[in-house]
Amino acid sequence: MTFNDTRKFGRIWLTDDIEQVTGHLGLEPFGRDFTSRWLTDALRSRHRQLKPLLLDQTFLAGLGNIYNG
């Protein structure tokens, strides 16, 4: 196995229970449960600045500053 992450953000876990690693993460933006209705309701129910909220992995998984040009 080879793993290369030049930015030093990568991690590898070996586990029998994936929920131990991913259970705290928010919805995936390309997941089936992510809809415009979900996003609208989720944004309305929180009172935070938009960028920090979108970067919060417990709110929405997979977004990060690397995508914000």
Protein backbone atom coordinates (compact mmCIF):
# COMPACT_ATOMS: atom_id res chain seq x y z
CA MET A 1 0.00 0.00 0.00
CA THR A 2 1.24 3.48 -0.84
CA PHE A 3 -0.26 6.69 0.43
CA ASN A 4 1.04 10.10 -0.60
CA ASP A 5 -0.43 13.37 0.62
CA THR A 6 1.84 16.31 -0.05
CA ARG A 7 -0.31 18.70 2.00
CA LYS A 8 -0.17 16.47 5.11
CA PHE A 9 -3.97 16.35 5.54
CA GLY A 10 -4.40 12.62 4.89
CA ARG A 11 -5.13 9.90 7.39
CA ILE A 12 -5.72 6.16 7.17
CA TRP A 13 -7.80 4.16 9.61
CA LEU A 14 -8.19 0.40 9.84
CA THR A 15 -11.42 -0.37 11.67
CA ASP A 16 -14.24 -2.89 11.81
CA ASP A 17 -16.76 -0.12 12.52
CA ILE A 18 -16.76 2.72 9.96
CA GLU A 19 -19.12 4.74 12.19
CA GLN A 20 -16.24 5.22 14.66
CA VAL A 21 -14.45 7.25 11.99
CA THR A 22 -17.26 8.83 9.95
CA GLY A 23 -20.22 8.90 12.35
CA HIS A 24 -19.71 12.55 13.29
CA LEU A 25 -19.53 13.84 9.72
CA GLY A 26 -22.31 15.83 8.10
CA LEU A 27 -24.01 15.05 4.81
CA GLU A 28 -22.00 14.46 1.67
CA PRO A 29 -22.77 17.13 -0.96
CA PHE A 30 -23.15 14.44 -3.64
CA GLY A 31 -25.15 12.10 -1.41
CA ARG A 32 -28.76 11.18 -2.00
CA ASP A 33 -29.96 12.99 1.15
CA PHE A 34 -28.39 16.31 0.15
CA THR A 35 -31.11 18.38 -1.49
CA SER A 36 -31.80 22.07 -1.92
CA ARG A 37 -34.59 21.69 0.65
CA TRP A 38 -32.18 20.12 3.19
CA LEU A 39 -29.64 22.90 2.62
CA THR A 40 -32.26 25.64 2.93
CA ASP A 41 -33.66 24.20 6.17
CA ALA A 42 -30.19 23.54 7.61
CA LEU A 43 -28.98 27.06 6.86
CA ARG A 44 -32.11 28.65 8.33
CA SER A 45 -31.81 26.67 11.55
CA ARG A 46 -28.25 27.85 12.24
CA HIS A 47 -27.02 31.30 13.12
CA ARG A 48 -23.39 31.29 12.05
CA GLN A 49 -21.37 32.97 9.36
CA LEU A 50 -21.72 31.09 6.08
CA LYS A 51 -18.09 30.21 5.32
CA PRO A 52 -17.25 28.75 8.77
CA LEU A 53 -20.51 26.80 8.69
CA LEU A 54 -19.79 25.32 5.25
CA LEU A 55 -16.26 24.40 6.36
CA ASP A 56 -17.60 22.64 9.47
CA GLN A 57 -17.27 18.92 8.65
CA THR A 58 -20.03 18.03 11.12
CA PHE A 59 -22.43 20.18 9.07
CA LEU A 60 -21.36 19.30 5.52
CA ALA A 61 -18.65 16.75 4.82
CA GLY A 62 -15.94 17.19 2.24
CA LEU A 63 -15.74 20.96 1.73
CA GLY A 64 -12.58 22.81 2.58
CA ASN A 65 -10.53 25.91 1.92
CA ILE A 66 -8.75 24.18 -0.94
CA TYR A 67 -11.93 24.71 -2.97
CA ASN A 68 -12.24 28.40 -2.09
CA GLY A 69 -10.04 30.12 -4.68
